[in-house]
Amino acid sequence: MQILSIQSHVAFGYVGNSAAVFPIQRLGHEVWPVLTVNFSNHTGYGAWRGPVVAADEVAAVIEGISERDGLSTVSAVLSGYQGDPAVGAIVLDSVRRVKELNPRALYCCDPVMGDVGRGMFVREGIPEFMRDEVVPAADVITPNHFELNFLAGVESTSTVQEVLAAVDVVRQSGPSNVLVTSVITDDPNHLDLVAVSDEGAWSVTTPLLPISPNGGGDVTAAVYLSHLLSTGSTPTALGRTANTLFAILDRTLKSGRRELELVASQDDIADPPTTYEVTQLR
């Protein structure tokens, strides 16, 4: 299947499309990366070089793909960090065009806005734009725990049942499939990934590793979408995603490196371990 991935890009390290493209390809899908920035490295280093791609240039690249009749074969659109509403509007227009040509195509949005301990780290107005315009247009979203709370309009959620209630609120706005990452409940030594679709709700619990590298959410969204496309099963996609991500993070922690050990983890991407089991919640 073909995935149109509209995200940032870095030459050094793994975030945005730099984190998403390799896992998608390793899982057997074609991916067409459209870049919204072309930086030397991710901004977590505090300094970087390279250009932000102007919105009209992003649109021109997508138009060029359309001229090759490429949009008609797209099975899914994937987007991540959107630092400018103008680029967000282009993403939404691309989704509209793809769905007109292939009504079964999915739009998977990773609504990057903030995180626990950091709060919102995007420009003013972006969270509201994501909540009011982008998320309602998505079929699949992959917020972290903090982002889910914002999208649902709640201050906090501290139990799995509260997380499920928040997911139900968000699903009413549009997306039918929600994967919540980095869910912290009453056990500070573990975290959950929770997935909800029309068929039910499931979770996977893994140990909480002392590592939070940039790009983990980008890999998660890419892997989850890839497995959804391949299997059509939310619990299967959840289980494979959770186990793959734990393996990547564990290997990264042991390596002592700051950047994700994506290439070294390629076998765990292609053939996910089954260390942690999927539990049905409802």
C-alpha atoms as a PDB file:
ATOM      1  CA  MET A   1       0.000   0.000   0.000  1.00  0.00           C
ATOM      2  CA  GLN A   2       1.036   3.619  -0.512  1.00  0.00           C
ATOM      3  CA  ILE A   3       1.261   6.106   2.355  1.00  0.00           C
ATOM      4  CA  LEU A   4       1.595   9.861   1.815  1.00  0.00           C
ATOM      5  CA  SER A   5       3.521  11.162   4.834  1.00  0.00           C
ATOM      6  CA  ILE A   6       3.549  14.936   5.296  1.00  0.00           C
ATOM      7  CA  GLN A   7       5.991  15.733   8.102  1.00  0.00           C
ATOM      8  CA  SER A   8       9.245  17.358   9.091  1.00  0.00           C
ATOM      9  CA  HIS A   9      12.646  15.935   8.160  1.00  0.00           C
ATOM     10  CA  VAL A  10      16.064  15.970   9.807  1.00  0.00           C
ATOM     11  CA  ALA A  11      19.379  14.848   8.342  1.00  0.00           C
ATOM     12  CA  PHE A  12      20.839  13.784  11.706  1.00  0.00           C
ATOM     13  CA  GLY A  13      18.685  11.613  13.947  1.00  0.00           C
ATOM     14  CA  TYR A  14      15.106  10.443  13.773  1.00  0.00           C
ATOM     15  CA  VAL A  15      12.015  12.615  14.024  1.00  0.00           C
ATOM     16  CA  GLY A  16       9.132  13.278  11.646  1.00  0.00           C
ATOM     17  CA  ASN A  17       9.587  11.604   8.294  1.00  0.00           C
ATOM     18  CA  SER A  18      13.137  10.641   9.245  1.00  0.00           C
ATOM     19  CA  ALA A  19      11.586   8.456  11.948  1.00  0.00           C
ATOM     20  CA  ALA A  20       8.532   7.294  10.005  1.00  0.00           C
ATOM     21  CA  VAL A  21       9.789   6.351   6.544  1.00  0.00           C
ATOM     22  CA  PHE A  22      12.104   3.452   7.440  1.00  0.00           C
ATOM     23  CA  PRO A  23       9.594   1.574   9.658  1.00  0.00           C
ATOM     24  CA  ILE A  24       6.848   1.977   7.065  1.00  0.00           C
ATOM     25  CA  GLN A  25       9.123   0.587   4.349  1.00  0.00           C
ATOM     26  CA  ARG A  26      10.385  -2.207   6.603  1.00  0.00           C
ATOM     27  CA  LEU A  27       6.754  -3.233   7.099  1.00  0.00           C
ATOM     28  CA  GLY A  28       6.283  -3.554   3.356  1.00  0.00           C
ATOM     29  CA  HIS A  29       4.499  -0.342   2.405  1.00  0.00           C
ATOM     30  CA  GLU A  30       5.454   2.324  -0.096  1.00  0.00           C
ATOM     31  CA  VAL A  31       5.824   5.762   1.453  1.00  0.00           C
ATOM     32  CA  TRP A  32       6.033   9.117  -0.238  1.00  0.00           C
ATOM     33  CA  PRO A  33       7.563  11.640   2.186  1.00  0.00           C
ATOM     34  CA  VAL A  34       6.634  15.287   1.775  1.00  0.00           C
ATOM     35  CA  LEU A  35       8.868  17.520   3.905  1.00  0.00           C
ATOM     36  CA  THR A  36       7.627  20.503   5.904  1.00  0.00           C
ATOM     37  CA  VAL A  37      11.083  21.371   7.263  1.00  0.00           C
ATOM     38  CA  ASN A  38      14.566  20.240   6.264  1.00  0.00           C
ATOM     39  CA  PHE A  39      16.659  20.653   9.395  1.00  0.00           C
ATOM     40  CA  SER A  40      20.110  19.416  10.294  1.00  0.00           C
ATOM     41  CA  ASN A  41      18.778  17.873  13.520  1.00  0.00           C
ATOM     42  CA  HIS A  42      15.724  18.019  15.749  1.00  0.00           C
ATOM     43  CA  THR A  43      15.141  21.109  17.868  1.00  0.00           C
ATOM     44  CA  GLY A  44      15.674  19.219  21.134  1.00  0.00           C
ATOM     45  CA  TYR A  45      19.381  19.939  20.736  1.00  0.00           C
ATOM     46  CA  GLY A  46      18.676  23.638  21.163  1.00  0.00           C
ATOM     47  CA  ALA A  47      20.390  24.608  17.899  1.00  0.00           C
ATOM     48  CA  TRP A  48      19.820  23.520  14.337  1.00  0.00           C
ATOM     49  CA  ARG A  49      20.274  24.645  10.759  1.00  0.00           C
ATOM     50  CA  GLY A  50      18.178  24.392   7.639  1.00  0.00           C
ATOM     51  CA  PRO A  51      14.975  25.790   6.186  1.00  0.00           C
ATOM     52  CA  VAL A  52      11.313  25.636   7.026  1.00  0.00           C
ATOM     53  CA  VAL A  53       9.593  24.692   3.779  1.00  0.00           C
ATOM     54  CA  ALA A  54       7.086  27.347   2.755  1.00  0.00           C
ATOM     55  CA  ALA A  55       3.462  26.221   2.664  1.00  0.00           C
ATOM     56  CA  ASP A  56       3.147  26.897  -1.068  1.00  0.00           C
ATOM     57  CA  GLU A  57       6.206  24.734  -1.736  1.00  0.00           C
ATOM     58  CA  VAL A  58       4.724  21.883   0.299  1.00  0.00           C
ATOM     59  CA  ALA A  59       1.567  22.246  -1.773  1.00  0.00           C
ATOM     60  CA  ALA A  60       3.637  22.239  -4.987  1.00  0.00           C
ATOM     61  CA  VAL A  61       5.259  18.910  -4.092  1.00  0.00           C
ATOM     62  CA  ILE A  62       1.849  17.349  -3.440  1.00  0.00           C
ATOM     63  CA  GLU A  63       0.559  18.787  -6.706  1.00  0.00           C
ATOM     64  CA  GLY A  64       3.492  17.177  -8.498  1.00  0.00           C
ATOM     65  CA  ILE A  65       2.558  13.818  -7.005  1.00  0.00           C
ATOM     66  CA  SER A  66      -1.003  14.400  -8.181  1.00  0.00           C
ATOM     67  CA  GLU A  67       0.258  15.119 -11.705  1.00  0.00           C
ATOM     68  CA  ARG A  68       1.843  11.660 -11.720  1.00  0.00           C
ATOM     69  CA  ASP A  69      -1.622  10.300 -10.766  1.00  0.00           C
ATOM     70  CA  GLY A  70      -0.104   9.370  -7.437  1.00  0.00           C
ATOM     71  CA  LEU A  71      -2.897  10.522  -5.145  1.00  0.00           C
ATOM     72  CA  SER A  72      -5.314   8.026  -6.654  1.00  0.00           C
ATOM     73  CA  THR A  73      -3.231   5.127  -5.313  1.00  0.00           C
ATOM     74  CA  VAL A  74      -2.737   6.460  -1.779  1.00  0.00           C
ATOM     75  CA  SER A  75      -4.151   4.172   0.921  1.00  0.00           C
ATOM     76  CA  ALA A  76      -3.408   6.511   3.832  1.00  0.00           C
ATOM     77  CA  VAL A  77      -2.194  10.003   4.660  1.00  0.00           C
ATOM     78  CA  LEU A  78       0.019  10.401   7.719  1.00  0.00           C
ATOM     79  CA  SER A  79       0.798  13.703   9.412  1.00  0.00           C
ATOM     80  CA  GLY A  80       2.671  14.690  12.544  1.00  0.00           C
ATOM     81  CA  TYR A  81       3.888  18.004  13.945  1.00  0.00           C
ATOM     82  CA  GLN A  82       2.151  20.956  12.280  1.00  0.00           C
ATOM     83  CA  GLY A  83       3.861  24.181  13.251  1.00  0.00           C
ATOM     84  CA  ASP A  84       1.857  26.412  10.943  1.00  0.00           C
ATOM     85  CA  PRO A  85      -1.901  26.441  10.265  1.00  0.00           C
ATOM     86  CA  ALA A  86      -1.112  27.133   6.596  1.00  0.00           C
ATOM     87  CA  VAL A  87       0.641  23.765   6.346  1.00  0.00           C
ATOM     88  CA  GLY A  88      -2.183  22.177   8.315  1.00  0.00           C
ATOM     89  CA  ALA A  89      -4.645  23.481   5.747  1.00  0.00           C
ATOM     90  CA  ILE A  90      -2.583  21.863   2.978  1.00  0.00           C
ATOM     91  CA  VAL A  91      -2.618  18.550   4.865  1.00  0.00           C
ATOM     92  CA  LEU A  92      -6.394  18.712   5.174  1.00  0.00           C
ATOM     93  CA  ASP A  93      -6.771  19.595   1.494  1.00  0.00           C
ATOM     94  CA  SER A  94      -4.538  16.671   0.560  1.00  0.00           C
ATOM     95  CA  VAL A  95      -6.672  14.346   2.689  1.00  0.00           C
ATOM     96  CA  ARG A  96      -9.788  15.640   0.955  1.00  0.00           C
ATOM     97  CA  ARG A  97      -8.279  15.061  -2.488  1.00  0.00           C
ATOM     98  CA  VAL A  98      -7.078  11.559  -1.619  1.00  0.00           C
ATOM     99  CA  LYS A  99     -10.464  10.571  -0.185  1.00  0.00           C
ATOM    100  CA  GLU A 100     -12.267  11.853  -3.257  1.00  0.00           C
ATOM    101  CA  LEU A 101     -10.149   9.463  -5.340  1.00  0.00           C
ATOM    102  CA  ASN A 102     -10.172   6.616  -2.789  1.00  0.00           C
ATOM    103  CA  PRO A 103     -12.997   6.877  -0.227  1.00  0.00           C
ATOM    104  CA  ARG A 104     -11.509   3.968   1.746  1.00  0.00           C
ATOM    105  CA  ALA A 105      -8.235   5.804   2.355  1.00  0.00           C
ATOM    106  CA  LEU A 106      -7.374   6.610   5.973  1.00  0.00           C
ATOM    107  CA  TYR A 107      -6.067   9.798   7.473  1.00  0.00           C
ATOM    108  CA  CYS A 108      -3.817   9.145  10.488  1.00  0.00           C
ATOM    109  CA  CYS A 109      -2.945  12.225  12.519  1.00  0.00           C
ATOM    110  CA  ASP A 110      -0.402  12.345  15.311  1.00  0.00           C
ATOM    111  CA  PRO A 111      -1.665  15.536  17.024  1.00  0.00           C
ATOM    112  CA  VAL A 112       1.688  16.769  18.306  1.00  0.00           C
ATOM    113  CA  MET A 113       1.084  19.591  20.777  1.00  0.00           C
ATOM    114  CA  GLY A 114       2.693  18.895  24.145  1.00  0.00           C
ATOM    115  CA  ASP A 115       3.552  16.375  26.816  1.00  0.00           C
ATOM    116  CA  VAL A 116       3.402  15.715  30.542  1.00  0.00           C
ATOM    117  CA  GLY A 117       5.945  17.870  32.364  1.00  0.00           C
ATOM    118  CA  ARG A 118       6.437  20.178  29.381  1.00  0.00           C
ATOM    119  CA  GLY A 119       2.943  21.440  28.731  1.00  0.00           C
ATOM    120  CA  MET A 120       2.203  22.806  25.277  1.00  0.00           C
ATOM    121  CA  PHE A 121       5.306  23.363  23.167  1.00  0.00           C
ATOM    122  CA  VAL A 122       3.714  24.476  19.886  1.00  0.00           C
ATOM    123  CA  ARG A 123       2.836  27.975  18.712  1.00  0.00           C
ATOM    124  CA  GLU A 124      -0.179  29.739  20.173  1.00  0.00           C
ATOM    125  CA  GLY A 125      -3.329  28.724  18.326  1.00  0.00           C
ATOM    126  CA  ILE A 126      -1.983  25.384  17.096  1.00  0.00           C
ATOM    127  CA  PRO A 127      -3.639  23.279  19.837  1.00  0.00           C
ATOM    128  CA  GLU A 128      -7.037  24.772  19.078  1.00  0.00           C
ATOM    129  CA  PHE A 129      -6.461  24.300  15.345  1.00  0.00           C
ATOM    130  CA  MET A 130      -5.591  20.646  15.925  1.00  0.00           C
ATOM    131  CA  ARG A 131      -8.612  20.106  18.158  1.00  0.00           C
ATOM    132  CA  ASP A 132     -11.174  21.962  16.073  1.00  0.00           C
ATOM    133  CA  GLU A 133     -10.020  21.368  12.478  1.00  0.00           C
ATOM    134  CA  VAL A 134      -7.517  18.545  12.118  1.00  0.00           C
ATOM    135  CA  VAL A 135      -8.623  15.857  14.582  1.00  0.00           C
ATOM    136  CA  PRO A 136     -12.277  15.901  13.414  1.00  0.00           C
ATOM    137  CA  ALA A 137     -11.042  15.190   9.870  1.00  0.00           C
ATOM    138  CA  ALA A 138      -8.940  12.199  10.941  1.00  0.00           C
ATOM    139  CA  ASP A 139      -9.860   8.521  10.906  1.00  0.00           C
ATOM    140  CA  VAL A 140      -7.003   7.537  13.226  1.00  0.00           C
ATOM    141  CA  ILE A 141      -5.246   9.667  15.847  1.00  0.00           C
ATOM    142  CA  THR A 142      -2.306   8.816  18.106  1.00  0.00           C
ATOM    143  CA  PRO A 143      -2.203  11.382  20.941  1.00  0.00           C
ATOM    144  CA  ASN A 144      -0.117  10.936  24.051  1.00  0.00           C
ATOM    145  CA  HIS A 145      -1.808  11.046  27.467  1.00  0.00           C
ATOM    146  CA  PHE A 146      -1.383  14.816  27.819  1.00  0.00           C
ATOM    147  CA  GLU A 147      -2.729  15.515  24.337  1.00  0.00           C
ATOM    148  CA  LEU A 148      -5.724  13.238  24.879  1.00  0.00           C
ATOM    149  CA  ASN A 149      -6.712  15.220  27.974  1.00  0.00           C
ATOM    150  CA  PHE A 150      -6.571  18.477  26.021  1.00  0.00           C
ATOM    151  CA  LEU A 151      -8.579  17.092  23.115  1.00  0.00           C
ATOM    152  CA  ALA A 152     -11.225  15.739  25.503  1.00  0.00           C
ATOM    153  CA  GLY A 153     -11.371  18.981  27.509  1.00  0.00           C
ATOM    154  CA  VAL A 154     -10.464  17.362  30.831  1.00  0.00           C
ATOM    155  CA  GLU A 155      -7.848  18.438  33.374  1.00  0.00           C
ATOM    156  CA  SER A 156      -6.452  14.972  33.997  1.00  0.00           C
ATOM    157  CA  THR A 157      -7.125  11.247  33.735  1.00  0.00           C
ATOM    158  CA  SER A 158      -5.506   8.900  36.222  1.00  0.00           C
ATOM    159  CA  THR A 159      -7.218   5.551  35.623  1.00  0.00           C
ATOM    160  CA  VAL A 160      -7.748   3.452  32.526  1.00  0.00           C
ATOM    161  CA  GLN A 161     -11.507   3.974  32.817  1.00  0.00           C
ATOM    162  CA  GLU A 162     -11.008   7.745  32.840  1.00  0.00           C
ATOM    163  CA  VAL A 163      -8.768   7.431  29.787  1.00  0.00           C
ATOM    164  CA  LEU A 164     -11.471   5.431  28.005  1.00  0.00           C
ATOM    165  CA  ALA A 165     -14.074   8.069  28.872  1.00  0.00           C
ATOM    166  CA  ALA A 166     -11.810  10.770  27.438  1.00  0.00           C
ATOM    167  CA  VAL A 167     -11.271   8.714  24.289  1.00  0.00           C
ATOM    168  CA  ASP A 168     -15.040   8.361  23.882  1.00  0.00           C
ATOM    169  CA  VAL A 169     -15.391  12.142  23.962  1.00  0.00           C
ATOM    170  CA  VAL A 170     -12.706  12.593  21.309  1.00  0.00           C
ATOM    171  CA  ARG A 171     -14.130   9.849  19.083  1.00  0.00           C
ATOM    172  CA  GLN A 172     -17.440  11.711  18.996  1.00  0.00           C
ATOM    173  CA  SER A 173     -15.643  14.566  17.218  1.00  0.00           C
ATOM    174  CA  GLY A 174     -14.624  12.402  14.258  1.00  0.00           C
ATOM    175  CA  PRO A 175     -11.803   9.864  14.542  1.00  0.00           C
ATOM    176  CA  SER A 176     -13.026   6.302  14.868  1.00  0.00           C
ATOM    177  CA  ASN A 177      -9.692   4.789  15.896  1.00  0.00           C
ATOM    178  CA  VAL A 178      -7.661   6.270  18.757  1.00  0.00           C
ATOM    179  CA  LEU A 179      -4.303   5.047  20.029  1.00  0.00           C
ATOM    180  CA  VAL A 180      -3.252   6.737  23.274  1.00  0.00           C
ATOM    181  CA  THR A 181       0.460   6.498  23.968  1.00  0.00           C
ATOM    182  CA  SER A 182       2.432   6.893  27.192  1.00  0.00           C
ATOM    183  CA  VAL A 183      -0.556   6.427  29.484  1.00  0.00           C
ATOM    184  CA  ILE A 184       0.497   6.741  33.133  1.00  0.00           C
ATOM    185  CA  THR A 185      -2.049   5.562  35.699  1.00  0.00           C
ATOM    186  CA  ASP A 186      -1.660   4.434  39.314  1.00  0.00           C
ATOM    187  CA  ASP A 187       1.494   2.398  38.683  1.00  0.00           C
ATOM    188  CA  PRO A 188       4.477   4.737  38.196  1.00  0.00           C
ATOM    189  CA  ASN A 189       6.723   1.872  37.077  1.00  0.00           C
ATOM    190  CA  HIS A 190       4.655   0.946  34.031  1.00  0.00           C
ATOM    191  CA  LEU A 191       2.903   2.659  31.159  1.00  0.00           C
ATOM    192  CA  ASP A 192       0.029   1.628  28.944  1.00  0.00           C
ATOM    193  CA  LEU A 193      -0.813   1.977  25.302  1.00  0.00           C
ATOM    194  CA  VAL A 194      -4.580   2.071  24.870  1.00  0.00           C
ATOM    195  CA  ALA A 195      -6.380   1.601  21.555  1.00  0.00           C
ATOM    196  CA  VAL A 196     -10.093   2.093  20.933  1.00  0.00           C
ATOM    197  CA  SER A 197     -12.129   1.473  17.791  1.00  0.00           C
ATOM    198  CA  ASP A 198     -15.708   0.594  16.914  1.00  0.00           C
ATOM    199  CA  GLU A 199     -14.903  -3.042  17.746  1.00  0.00           C
ATOM    200  CA  GLY A 200     -13.749  -2.466  21.320  1.00  0.00           C
ATOM    201  CA  ALA A 201     -10.920  -1.232  23.536  1.00  0.00           C
ATOM    202  CA  TRP A 202      -7.573  -2.825  24.383  1.00  0.00           C
ATOM    203  CA  SER A 203      -4.374  -2.033  26.248  1.00  0.00           C
ATOM    204  CA  VAL A 204      -0.786  -3.212  26.511  1.00  0.00           C
ATOM    205  CA  THR A 205       1.239  -2.583  29.666  1.00  0.00           C
ATOM    206  CA  THR A 206       5.034  -2.379  29.522  1.00  0.00           C
ATOM    207  CA  PRO A 207       7.707  -1.346  32.024  1.00  0.00           C
ATOM    208  CA  LEU A 208       8.407   2.385  32.084  1.00  0.00           C
ATOM    209  CA  LEU A 209      11.963   2.801  30.855  1.00  0.00           C
ATOM    210  CA  PRO A 210      14.041   5.811  32.011  1.00  0.00           C
ATOM    211  CA  ILE A 211      14.254   7.192  28.497  1.00  0.00           C
ATOM    212  CA  SER A 212      12.171   9.596  26.429  1.00  0.00           C
ATOM    213  CA  PRO A 213      13.950  10.180  23.113  1.00  0.00           C
ATOM    214  CA  ASN A 214      12.703  12.499  20.430  1.00  0.00           C
ATOM    215  CA  GLY A 215      10.862  10.744  17.616  1.00  0.00           C
ATOM    216  CA  GLY A 216       9.248   7.973  19.632  1.00  0.00           C
ATOM    217  CA  GLY A 217       5.765   9.259  18.891  1.00  0.00           C
ATOM    218  CA  ASP A 218       6.555   9.578  15.188  1.00  0.00           C
ATOM    219  CA  VAL A 219       7.681   5.948  15.029  1.00  0.00           C
ATOM    220  CA  THR A 220       4.617   4.848  16.998  1.00  0.00           C
ATOM    221  CA  ALA A 221       2.182   6.513  14.603  1.00  0.00           C
ATOM    222  CA  ALA A 222       3.971   5.123  11.555  1.00  0.00           C
ATOM    223  CA  VAL A 223       4.123   1.561  12.893  1.00  0.00           C
ATOM    224  CA  TYR A 224       0.523   1.586  14.132  1.00  0.00           C
ATOM    225  CA  LEU A 225      -0.838   2.891  10.834  1.00  0.00           C
ATOM    226  CA  SER A 226       1.230   0.355   8.888  1.00  0.00           C
ATOM    227  CA  HIS A 227      -0.154  -2.553  10.901  1.00  0.00           C
ATOM    228  CA  LEU A 228      -3.706  -1.239  10.667  1.00  0.00           C
ATOM    229  CA  LEU A 229      -3.403  -1.145   6.894  1.00  0.00           C
ATOM    230  CA  SER A 230      -1.909  -4.635   6.754  1.00  0.00           C
ATOM    231  CA  THR A 231      -4.219  -6.396   9.207  1.00  0.00           C
ATOM    232  CA  GLY A 232      -7.343  -4.280   9.633  1.00  0.00           C
ATOM    233  CA  SER A 233      -7.219  -5.279  13.307  1.00  0.00           C
ATOM    234  CA  THR A 234      -6.893  -2.716  16.090  1.00  0.00           C
ATOM    235  CA  PRO A 235      -5.725  -5.185  18.794  1.00  0.00           C
ATOM    236  CA  THR A 236      -3.186  -6.754  16.445  1.00  0.00           C
ATOM    237  CA  ALA A 237      -1.832  -3.350  15.443  1.00  0.00           C
ATOM    238  CA  LEU A 238      -1.699  -2.299  19.094  1.00  0.00           C
ATOM    239  CA  GLY A 239       0.182  -5.393  20.223  1.00  0.00           C
ATOM    240  CA  ARG A 240       2.727  -5.244  17.424  1.00  0.00           C
ATOM    241  CA  THR A 241       3.254  -1.517  17.910  1.00  0.00           C
ATOM    242  CA  ALA A 242       3.697  -1.706  21.672  1.00  0.00           C
ATOM    243  CA  ASN A 243       6.188  -4.552  21.479  1.00  0.00           C
ATOM    244  CA  THR A 244       8.151  -2.970  18.654  1.00  0.00           C
ATOM    245  CA  LEU A 245       8.409   0.365  20.432  1.00  0.00           C
ATOM    246  CA  PHE A 246       9.486  -1.216  23.700  1.00  0.00           C
ATOM    247  CA  ALA A 247      12.210  -3.147  21.866  1.00  0.00           C
ATOM    248  CA  ILE A 248      13.446   0.029  20.150  1.00  0.00           C
ATOM    249  CA  LEU A 249      13.474   2.023  23.379  1.00  0.00           C
ATOM    250  CA  ASP A 250      15.158  -0.770  25.321  1.00  0.00           C
ATOM    251  CA  ARG A 251      17.891  -1.091  22.699  1.00  0.00           C
ATOM    252  CA  THR A 252      18.323   2.688  22.596  1.00  0.00           C
ATOM    253  CA  LEU A 253      18.661   2.849  26.396  1.00  0.00           C
ATOM    254  CA  LYS A 254      21.264   0.084  26.423  1.00  0.00           C
ATOM    255  CA  SER A 255      23.230   1.763  23.629  1.00  0.00           C
ATOM    256  CA  GLY A 256      23.661   4.964  25.607  1.00  0.00           C
ATOM    257  CA  ARG A 257      22.922   6.989  22.485  1.00  0.00           C
ATOM    258  CA  ARG A 258      20.507   9.897  22.344  1.00  0.00           C
ATOM    259  CA  GLU A 259      18.980   9.014  18.990  1.00  0.00           C
ATOM    260  CA  LEU A 260      16.643   6.059  18.443  1.00  0.00           C
ATOM    261  CA  GLU A 261      18.282   2.783  17.429  1.00  0.00           C
ATOM    262  CA  LEU A 262      15.978   2.360  14.448  1.00  0.00           C
ATOM    263  CA  VAL A 263      18.238   0.504  12.039  1.00  0.00           C
ATOM    264  CA  ALA A 264      19.547  -1.829  14.749  1.00  0.00           C
ATOM    265  CA  SER A 265      15.918  -2.608  15.613  1.00  0.00           C
ATOM    266  CA  GLN A 266      14.805  -3.412  12.091  1.00  0.00           C
ATOM    267  CA  ASP A 267      14.097  -7.083  12.861  1.00  0.00           C
ATOM    268  CA  ASP A 268      11.851  -6.030  15.761  1.00  0.00           C
ATOM    269  CA  ILE A 269      10.017  -3.752  13.334  1.00  0.00           C
ATOM    270  CA  ALA A 270       9.572  -6.373  10.642  1.00  0.00           C
ATOM    271  CA  ASP A 271       8.781  -9.221  13.055  1.00  0.00           C
ATOM    272  CA  PRO A 272       7.583  -7.744  16.371  1.00  0.00           C
ATOM    273  CA  PRO A 273       8.302  -9.722  19.530  1.00  0.00           C
ATOM    274  CA  THR A 274       5.380 -10.859  21.670  1.00  0.00           C
ATOM    275  CA  THR A 275       6.794  -9.987  25.082  1.00  0.00           C
ATOM    276  CA  TYR A 276       3.773  -8.013  26.282  1.00  0.00           C
ATOM    277  CA  GLU A 277       0.213  -9.182  25.746  1.00  0.00           C
ATOM    278  CA  VAL A 278      -2.870  -7.310  24.612  1.00  0.00           C
ATOM    279  CA  THR A 279      -5.691  -7.083  27.176  1.00  0.00           C
ATOM    280  CA  GLN A 280      -9.271  -6.384  26.136  1.00  0.00           C
ATOM    281  CA  LEU A 281     -10.819  -3.621  28.216  1.00  0.00           C
ATOM    282  CA  ARG A 282     -14.347  -3.735  26.817  1.00  0.00           C
END
